[in-house]
PDB file of N, CA and C in Angstrom:
ATOM      1  N   MET A   1     -28.126 -16.730 -23.108  1.00  0.00           N
ATOM      2  CA  MET A   1     -28.592 -17.573 -22.026  1.00  0.00           C
ATOM      3  C   MET A   1     -28.028 -17.086 -20.690  1.00  0.00           C
ATOM      4  N   MET A   2     -26.714 -16.809 -20.687  1.00  0.00           N
ATOM      5  CA  MET A   2     -26.081 -16.393 -19.443  1.00  0.00           C
ATOM      6  C   MET A   2     -26.556 -15.002 -19.023  1.00  0.00           C
ATOM      7  N   LEU A   3     -26.720 -14.110 -20.001  1.00  0.00           N
ATOM      8  CA  LEU A   3     -27.199 -12.770 -19.672  1.00  0.00           C
ATOM      9  C   LEU A   3     -28.625 -12.794 -19.148  1.00  0.00           C
ATOM     10  N   THR A   4     -29.439 -13.668 -19.690  1.00  0.00           N
ATOM     11  CA  THR A   4     -30.820 -13.792 -19.213  1.00  0.00           C
ATOM     12  C   THR A   4     -30.847 -14.279 -17.776  1.00  0.00           C
ATOM     13  N   THR A   5     -30.026 -15.259 -17.468  1.00  0.00           N
ATOM     14  CA  THR A   5     -29.948 -15.783 -16.102  1.00  0.00           C
ATOM     15  C   THR A   5     -29.438 -14.713 -15.152  1.00  0.00           C
ATOM     16  N   LEU A   6     -28.428 -13.972 -15.567  1.00  0.00           N
ATOM     17  CA  LEU A   6     -27.893 -12.906 -14.732  1.00  0.00           C
ATOM     18  C   LEU A   6     -28.927 -11.817 -14.498  1.00  0.00           C
ATOM     19  N   HIS A   7     -29.661 -11.477 -15.544  1.00  0.00           N
ATOM     20  CA  HIS A   7     -30.698 -10.452 -15.407  1.00  0.00           C
ATOM     21  C   HIS A   7     -31.803 -10.919 -14.456  1.00  0.00           C
ATOM     22  N   ALA A   8     -32.224 -12.166 -14.591  1.00  0.00           N
ATOM     23  CA  ALA A   8     -33.274 -12.700 -13.708  1.00  0.00           C
ATOM     24  C   ALA A   8     -32.788 -12.741 -12.267  1.00  0.00           C
ATOM     25  N   ALA A   9     -31.535 -13.130 -12.060  1.00  0.00           N
ATOM     26  CA  ALA A   9     -31.002 -13.194 -10.698  1.00  0.00           C
ATOM     27  C   ALA A   9     -30.915 -11.804 -10.085  1.00  0.00           C
ATOM     28  N   SER A  10     -30.507 -10.813 -10.867  1.00  0.00           N
ATOM     29  CA  SER A  10     -30.418  -9.453 -10.324  1.00  0.00           C
ATOM     30  C   SER A  10     -31.793  -8.893 -10.001  1.00  0.00           C
ATOM     31  N   GLU A  11     -32.819  -9.256 -10.789  1.00  0.00           N
ATOM     32  CA  GLU A  11     -34.176  -8.796 -10.480  1.00  0.00           C
ATOM     33  C   GLU A  11     -34.684  -9.417  -9.189  1.00  0.00           C
ATOM     34  N   VAL A  12     -34.398 -10.698  -8.983  1.00  0.00           N
ATOM     35  CA  VAL A  12     -34.834 -11.361  -7.748  1.00  0.00           C
ATOM     36  C   VAL A  12     -34.122 -10.749  -6.554  1.00  0.00           C
ATOM     37  N   LEU A  13     -32.816 -10.528  -6.681  1.00  0.00           N
ATOM     38  CA  LEU A  13     -32.070  -9.954  -5.570  1.00  0.00           C
ATOM     39  C   LEU A  13     -32.488  -8.516  -5.294  1.00  0.00           C
ATOM     40  N   ALA A  14     -32.914  -7.785  -6.313  1.00  0.00           N
ATOM     41  CA  ALA A  14     -33.354  -6.413  -6.115  1.00  0.00           C
ATOM     42  C   ALA A  14     -34.653  -6.355  -5.320  1.00  0.00           C
ATOM     43  N   GLN A  15     -35.478  -7.393  -5.401  1.00  0.00           N
ATOM     44  CA  GLN A  15     -36.747  -7.405  -4.679  1.00  0.00           C
ATOM     45  C   GLN A  15     -36.569  -7.808  -3.225  1.00  0.00           C
ATOM     46  N   ILE A  16     -35.462  -8.467  -2.925  1.00  0.00           N
ATOM     47  CA  ILE A  16     -35.202  -8.861  -1.539  1.00  0.00           C
ATOM     48  C   ILE A  16     -34.473  -7.713  -0.873  1.00  0.00           C
ATOM     49  N   GLY A  17     -35.077  -7.126   0.095  1.00  0.00           N
ATOM     50  CA  GLY A  17     -34.461  -5.999   0.780  1.00  0.00           C
ATOM     51  C   GLY A  17     -33.965  -6.397   2.155  1.00  0.00           C
ATOM     52  N   ASN A  18     -33.236  -5.503   2.774  1.00  0.00           N
ATOM     53  CA  ASN A  18     -32.807  -5.687   4.153  1.00  0.00           C
ATOM     54  C   ASN A  18     -33.673  -4.764   4.993  1.00  0.00           C
ATOM     55  N   PRO A  19     -34.755  -5.309   5.589  1.00  0.00           N
ATOM     56  CA  PRO A  19     -35.718  -4.443   6.260  1.00  0.00           C
ATOM     57  C   PRO A  19     -35.132  -3.712   7.466  1.00  0.00           C
ATOM     58  N   THR A  20     -34.254  -4.328   8.192  1.00  0.00           N
ATOM     59  CA  THR A  20     -33.659  -3.670   9.360  1.00  0.00           C
ATOM     60  C   THR A  20     -32.140  -3.774   9.270  1.00  0.00           C
ATOM     61  N   PRO A  21     -31.507  -2.882   8.561  1.00  0.00           N
ATOM     62  CA  PRO A  21     -30.053  -2.955   8.470  1.00  0.00           C
ATOM     63  C   PRO A  21     -29.402  -2.588   9.795  1.00  0.00           C
ATOM     64  N   GLU A  22     -28.630  -3.480  10.315  1.00  0.00           N
ATOM     65  CA  GLU A  22     -27.892  -3.210  11.543  1.00  0.00           C
ATOM     66  C   GLU A  22     -26.568  -3.950  11.480  1.00  0.00           C
ATOM     67  N   ALA A  23     -25.624  -3.430  12.187  1.00  0.00           N
ATOM     68  CA  ALA A  23     -24.287  -4.025  12.170  1.00  0.00           C
ATOM     69  C   ALA A  23     -24.298  -5.334  12.946  1.00  0.00           C
ATOM     70  N   PRO A  24     -23.499  -6.304  12.521  1.00  0.00           N
ATOM     71  CA  PRO A  24     -23.419  -7.544  13.268  1.00  0.00           C
ATOM     72  C   PRO A  24     -22.808  -7.299  14.652  1.00  0.00           C
ATOM     73  N   PRO A  25     -23.102  -8.172  15.599  1.00  0.00           N
ATOM     74  CA  PRO A  25     -22.544  -7.980  16.936  1.00  0.00           C
ATOM     75  C   PRO A  25     -21.010  -8.054  16.900  1.00  0.00           C
ATOM     76  N   GLU A  26     -20.376  -7.305  17.768  1.00  0.00           N
ATOM     77  CA  GLU A  26     -18.914  -7.262  17.902  1.00  0.00           C
ATOM     78  C   GLU A  26     -18.216  -6.675  16.684  1.00  0.00           C
ATOM     79  N   SER A  27     -18.935  -6.045  15.772  1.00  0.00           N
ATOM     80  CA  SER A  27     -18.284  -5.487  14.598  1.00  0.00           C
ATOM     81  C   SER A  27     -17.548  -4.191  14.925  1.00  0.00           C
ATOM     82  N   ASP A  28     -17.963  -3.495  15.976  1.00  0.00           N
ATOM     83  CA  ASP A  28     -17.309  -2.235  16.334  1.00  0.00           C
ATOM     84  C   ASP A  28     -15.843  -2.456  16.692  1.00  0.00           C
ATOM     85  N   ARG A  29     -15.569  -3.511  17.428  1.00  0.00           N
ATOM     86  CA  ARG A  29     -14.193  -3.810  17.817  1.00  0.00           C
ATOM     87  C   ARG A  29     -13.323  -4.088  16.603  1.00  0.00           C
ATOM     88  N   TRP A  30     -13.871  -4.874  15.675  1.00  0.00           N
ATOM     89  CA  TRP A  30     -13.099  -5.234  14.482  1.00  0.00           C
ATOM     90  C   TRP A  30     -12.888  -4.027  13.585  1.00  0.00           C
ATOM     91  N   MET A  31     -13.890  -3.192  13.463  1.00  0.00           N
ATOM     92  CA  MET A  31     -13.742  -1.995  12.638  1.00  0.00           C
ATOM     93  C   MET A  31     -12.693  -1.054  13.226  1.00  0.00           C
ATOM     94  N   LYS A  32     -12.683  -0.934  14.540  1.00  0.00           N
ATOM     95  CA  LYS A  32     -11.685  -0.098  15.194  1.00  0.00           C
ATOM     96  C   LYS A  32     -10.287  -0.656  14.939  1.00  0.00           C
ATOM     97  N   LEU A  33     -10.136  -1.973  15.035  1.00  0.00           N
ATOM     98  CA  LEU A  33      -8.848  -2.609  14.774  1.00  0.00           C
ATOM     99  C   LEU A  33      -8.416  -2.388  13.329  1.00  0.00           C
ATOM    100  N   VAL A  34      -9.339  -2.541  12.399  1.00  0.00           N
ATOM    101  CA  VAL A  34      -9.012  -2.345  10.985  1.00  0.00           C
ATOM    102  C   VAL A  34      -8.615  -0.902  10.725  1.00  0.00           C
ATOM    103  N   ARG A  35      -9.301   0.048  11.338  1.00  0.00           N
ATOM    104  CA  ARG A  35      -8.951   1.460  11.151  1.00  0.00           C
ATOM    105  C   ARG A  35      -7.556   1.751  11.682  1.00  0.00           C
ATOM    106  N   TYR A  36      -7.228   1.197  12.859  1.00  0.00           N
ATOM    107  CA  TYR A  36      -5.891   1.405  13.407  1.00  0.00           C
ATOM    108  C   TYR A  36      -4.829   0.761  12.518  1.00  0.00           C
ATOM    109  N   LEU A  37      -5.104  -0.415  11.976  1.00  0.00           N
ATOM    110  CA  LEU A  37      -4.133  -1.078  11.109  1.00  0.00           C
ATOM    111  C   LEU A  37      -3.926  -0.312   9.806  1.00  0.00           C
ATOM    112  N   VAL A  38      -4.994   0.234   9.248  1.00  0.00           N
ATOM    113  CA  VAL A  38      -4.870   1.045   8.035  1.00  0.00           C
ATOM    114  C   VAL A  38      -4.069   2.307   8.328  1.00  0.00           C
ATOM    115  N   TRP A  39      -4.344   2.945   9.460  1.00  0.00           N
ATOM    116  CA  TRP A  39      -3.605   4.137   9.848  1.00  0.00           C
ATOM    117  C   TRP A  39      -2.122   3.805  10.028  1.00  0.00           C
ATOM    118  N   LEU A  40      -1.825   2.683  10.681  1.00  0.00           N
ATOM    119  CA  LEU A  40      -0.448   2.266  10.893  1.00  0.00           C
ATOM    120  C   LEU A  40       0.248   1.983   9.563  1.00  0.00           C
ATOM    121  N   ALA A  41      -0.447   1.341   8.634  1.00  0.00           N
ATOM    122  CA  ALA A  41       0.137   1.045   7.325  1.00  0.00           C
ATOM    123  C   ALA A  41       0.451   2.337   6.567  1.00  0.00           C
ATOM    124  N   MET A  42      -0.425   3.319   6.662  1.00  0.00           N
ATOM    125  CA  MET A  42      -0.171   4.589   5.971  1.00  0.00           C
ATOM    126  C   MET A  42       1.032   5.307   6.581  1.00  0.00           C
ATOM    127  N   VAL A  43       1.116   5.328   7.898  1.00  0.00           N
ATOM    128  CA  VAL A  43       2.247   5.986   8.558  1.00  0.00           C
ATOM    129  C   VAL A  43       3.549   5.277   8.207  1.00  0.00           C
ATOM    130  N   LEU A  44       3.543   3.950   8.250  1.00  0.00           N
ATOM    131  CA  LEU A  44       4.749   3.204   7.911  1.00  0.00           C
ATOM    132  C   LEU A  44       5.130   3.394   6.448  1.00  0.00           C
ATOM    133  N   GLY A  45       4.157   3.502   5.576  1.00  0.00           N
ATOM    134  CA  GLY A  45       4.442   3.746   4.170  1.00  0.00           C
ATOM    135  C   GLY A  45       5.115   5.095   3.957  1.00  0.00           C
ATOM    136  N   VAL A  46       4.621   6.115   4.624  1.00  0.00           N
ATOM    137  CA  VAL A  46       5.226   7.451   4.507  1.00  0.00           C
ATOM    138  C   VAL A  46       6.643   7.426   5.067  1.00  0.00           C
ATOM    139  N   LEU A  47       6.832   6.762   6.215  1.00  0.00           N
ATOM    140  CA  LEU A  47       8.175   6.670   6.786  1.00  0.00           C
ATOM    141  C   LEU A  47       9.122   5.893   5.884  1.00  0.00           C
ATOM    142  N   ALA A  48       8.619   4.864   5.220  1.00  0.00           N
ATOM    143  CA  ALA A  48       9.458   4.090   4.303  1.00  0.00           C
ATOM    144  C   ALA A  48       9.894   4.939   3.115  1.00  0.00           C
ATOM    145  N   VAL A  49       9.001   5.770   2.604  1.00  0.00           N
ATOM    146  CA  VAL A  49       9.357   6.647   1.483  1.00  0.00           C
ATOM    147  C   VAL A  49      10.428   7.643   1.924  1.00  0.00           C
ATOM    148  N   PHE A  50      10.245   8.265   3.089  1.00  0.00           N
ATOM    149  CA  PHE A  50      11.250   9.200   3.584  1.00  0.00           C
ATOM    150  C   PHE A  50      12.573   8.490   3.841  1.00  0.00           C
ATOM    151  N   GLY A  51      12.525   7.297   4.390  1.00  0.00           N
ATOM    152  CA  GLY A  51      13.747   6.539   4.641  1.00  0.00           C
ATOM    153  C   GLY A  51      14.475   6.198   3.353  1.00  0.00           C
ATOM    154  N   ALA A  52      13.741   5.844   2.312  1.00  0.00           N
ATOM    155  CA  ALA A  52      14.363   5.522   1.030  1.00  0.00           C
ATOM    156  C   ALA A  52      15.029   6.760   0.426  1.00  0.00           C
ATOM    157  N   VAL A  53      14.378   7.905   0.531  1.00  0.00           N
ATOM    158  CA  VAL A  53      14.959   9.146   0.003  1.00  0.00           C
ATOM    159  C   VAL A  53      16.226   9.497   0.777  1.00  0.00           C
ATOM    160  N   ILE A  54      16.190   9.390   2.093  1.00  0.00           N
ATOM    161  CA  ILE A  54      17.359   9.702   2.909  1.00  0.00           C
ATOM    162  C   ILE A  54      18.492   8.731   2.603  1.00  0.00           C
ATOM    163  N   ALA A  55      18.175   7.439   2.455  1.00  0.00           N
ATOM    164  CA  ALA A  55      19.207   6.452   2.129  1.00  0.00           C
ATOM    165  C   ALA A  55      19.832   6.740   0.775  1.00  0.00           C
ATOM    166  N   ALA A  56      19.036   7.138  -0.203  1.00  0.00           N
ATOM    167  CA  ALA A  56      19.569   7.462  -1.524  1.00  0.00           C
ATOM    168  C   ALA A  56      20.495   8.679  -1.454  1.00  0.00           C
ATOM    169  N   VAL A  57      20.110   9.687  -0.695  1.00  0.00           N
ATOM    170  CA  VAL A  57      20.945  10.879  -0.560  1.00  0.00           C
ATOM    171  C   VAL A  57      22.263  10.525   0.114  1.00  0.00           C
ATOM    172  N   VAL A  58      22.213   9.715   1.166  1.00  0.00           N
ATOM    173  CA  VAL A  58      23.429   9.313   1.866  1.00  0.00           C
ATOM    174  C   VAL A  58      24.340   8.511   0.943  1.00  0.00           C
ATOM    175  N   LEU A  59      23.785   7.601   0.156  1.00  0.00           N
ATOM    176  CA  LEU A  59      24.605   6.822  -0.766  1.00  0.00           C
ATOM    177  C   LEU A  59      25.268   7.697  -1.824  1.00  0.00           C
ATOM    178  N   VAL A  60      24.541   8.670  -2.345  1.00  0.00           N
ATOM    179  CA  VAL A  60      25.114   9.566  -3.343  1.00  0.00           C
ATOM    180  C   VAL A  60      26.231  10.396  -2.725  1.00  0.00           C
ATOM    181  N   ILE A  61      26.027  10.896  -1.515  1.00  0.00           N
ATOM    182  CA  ILE A  61      27.054  11.705  -0.854  1.00  0.00           C
ATOM    183  C   ILE A  61      28.296  10.854  -0.589  1.00  0.00           C
ATOM    184  N   ARG A  62      28.115   9.639  -0.115  1.00  0.00           N
ATOM    185  CA  ARG A  62      29.264   8.767   0.153  1.00  0.00           C
ATOM    186  C   ARG A  62      30.017   8.428  -1.132  1.00  0.00           C
ATOM    187  N   ARG A  63      29.283   8.169  -2.187  1.00  0.00           N
ATOM    188  CA  ARG A  63      29.930   7.802  -3.445  1.00  0.00           C
ATOM    189  C   ARG A  63      30.735   8.977  -3.999  1.00  0.00           C
ATOM    190  N   ARG A  64      30.214  10.189  -3.873  1.00  0.00           N
ATOM    191  CA  ARG A  64      30.912  11.357  -4.409  1.00  0.00           C
ATOM    192  C   ARG A  64      32.089  11.760  -3.540  1.00  0.00           C
ATOM    193  N   SER A  65      32.080  11.416  -2.253  1.00  0.00           N
ATOM    194  CA  SER A  65      33.154  11.843  -1.370  1.00  0.00           C
ATOM    195  C   SER A  65      34.305  10.833  -1.312  1.00  0.00           C
ATOM    196  N   ARG A  66      34.222   9.713  -2.002  1.00  0.00           N
ATOM    197  CA  ARG A  66      35.316   8.736  -2.028  1.00  0.00           C
ATOM    198  C   ARG A  66      36.502   9.327  -2.781  1.00  0.00           C
ATOM    199  N   PRO A  67      37.716   8.981  -2.328  1.00  0.00           N
ATOM    200  CA  PRO A  67      38.875   9.458  -3.100  1.00  0.00           C
ATOM    201  C   PRO A  67      38.947   8.721  -4.437  1.00  0.00           C
ATOM    202  N   LYS A  68      39.397   9.430  -5.432  1.00  0.00           N
ATOM    203  CA  LYS A  68      39.501   8.838  -6.768  1.00  0.00           C
ATOM    204  C   LYS A  68      40.671   7.860  -6.781  1.00  0.00           C
ATOM    205  N   PRO A  69      40.531   6.725  -7.460  1.00  0.00           N
ATOM    206  CA  PRO A  69      41.643   5.782  -7.537  1.00  0.00           C
ATOM    207  C   PRO A  69      42.797   6.390  -8.346  1.00  0.00           C
ATOM    208  N   PRO A  70      44.013   5.986  -8.009  1.00  0.00           N
ATOM    209  CA  PRO A  70      45.146   6.565  -8.750  1.00  0.00           C
ATOM    210  C   PRO A  70      45.087   6.175 -10.221  1.00  0.00           C
ATOM    211  N   GLN A  71      45.473   7.114 -11.046  1.00  0.00           N
ATOM    212  CA  GLN A  71      45.455   6.897 -12.489  1.00  0.00           C
ATOM    213  C   GLN A  71      46.866   6.529 -12.961  1.00  0.00           C
ATOM    214  N   GLY A  72      46.930   5.474 -13.709  1.00  0.00           N
ATOM    215  CA  GLY A  72      48.205   5.105 -14.340  1.00  0.00           C
ATOM    216  C   GLY A  72      48.309   5.763 -15.698  1.00  0.00           C
ATOM    217  N   PRO A  73      49.363   5.498 -16.394  1.00  0.00           N
ATOM    218  CA  PRO A  73      49.518   6.125 -17.710  1.00  0.00           C
ATOM    219  C   PRO A  73      48.486   5.620 -18.736  1.00  0.00           C
ATOM    220  N   TYR A  74      47.905   4.439 -18.462  1.00  0.00           N
ATOM    221  CA  TYR A  74      46.959   3.860 -19.415  1.00  0.00           C
ATOM    222  C   TYR A  74      45.526   3.808 -18.867  1.00  0.00           C
ATOM    223  N   GLY A  75      45.221   4.566 -17.872  1.00  0.00           N
ATOM    224  CA  GLY A  75      43.881   4.584 -17.296  1.00  0.00           C
ATOM    225  C   GLY A  75      43.906   4.049 -15.871  1.00  0.00           C
ATOM    226  N   PRO A  76      42.740   3.815 -15.277  1.00  0.00           N
ATOM    227  CA  PRO A  76      42.694   3.342 -13.897  1.00  0.00           C
ATOM    228  C   PRO A  76      43.281   1.942 -13.762  1.00  0.00           C
ATOM    229  N   ARG A  77      43.863   1.690 -12.615  1.00  0.00           N
ATOM    230  CA  ARG A  77      44.456   0.358 -12.376  1.00  0.00           C
ATOM    231  C   ARG A  77      43.407  -0.651 -12.016  1.00  0.00           C
TER     232      ARG A  77
END
């Protein structure tokens, strides 16, 4: 029943065409804004990845350069 209804609806929608496809008014401004926001998100994402890698390297270097705690006769204090 549901497949029949879906098939009938798709056939009706297939017969209805858009005779004059044109962009809605003021859509150019919004598309430009969306493109800039996507570009900004990609740049920030790349910078975040580089920042995370640099932070990890700095943490590893700091951890390895710490002086070792003094050892007692039975292990670390």
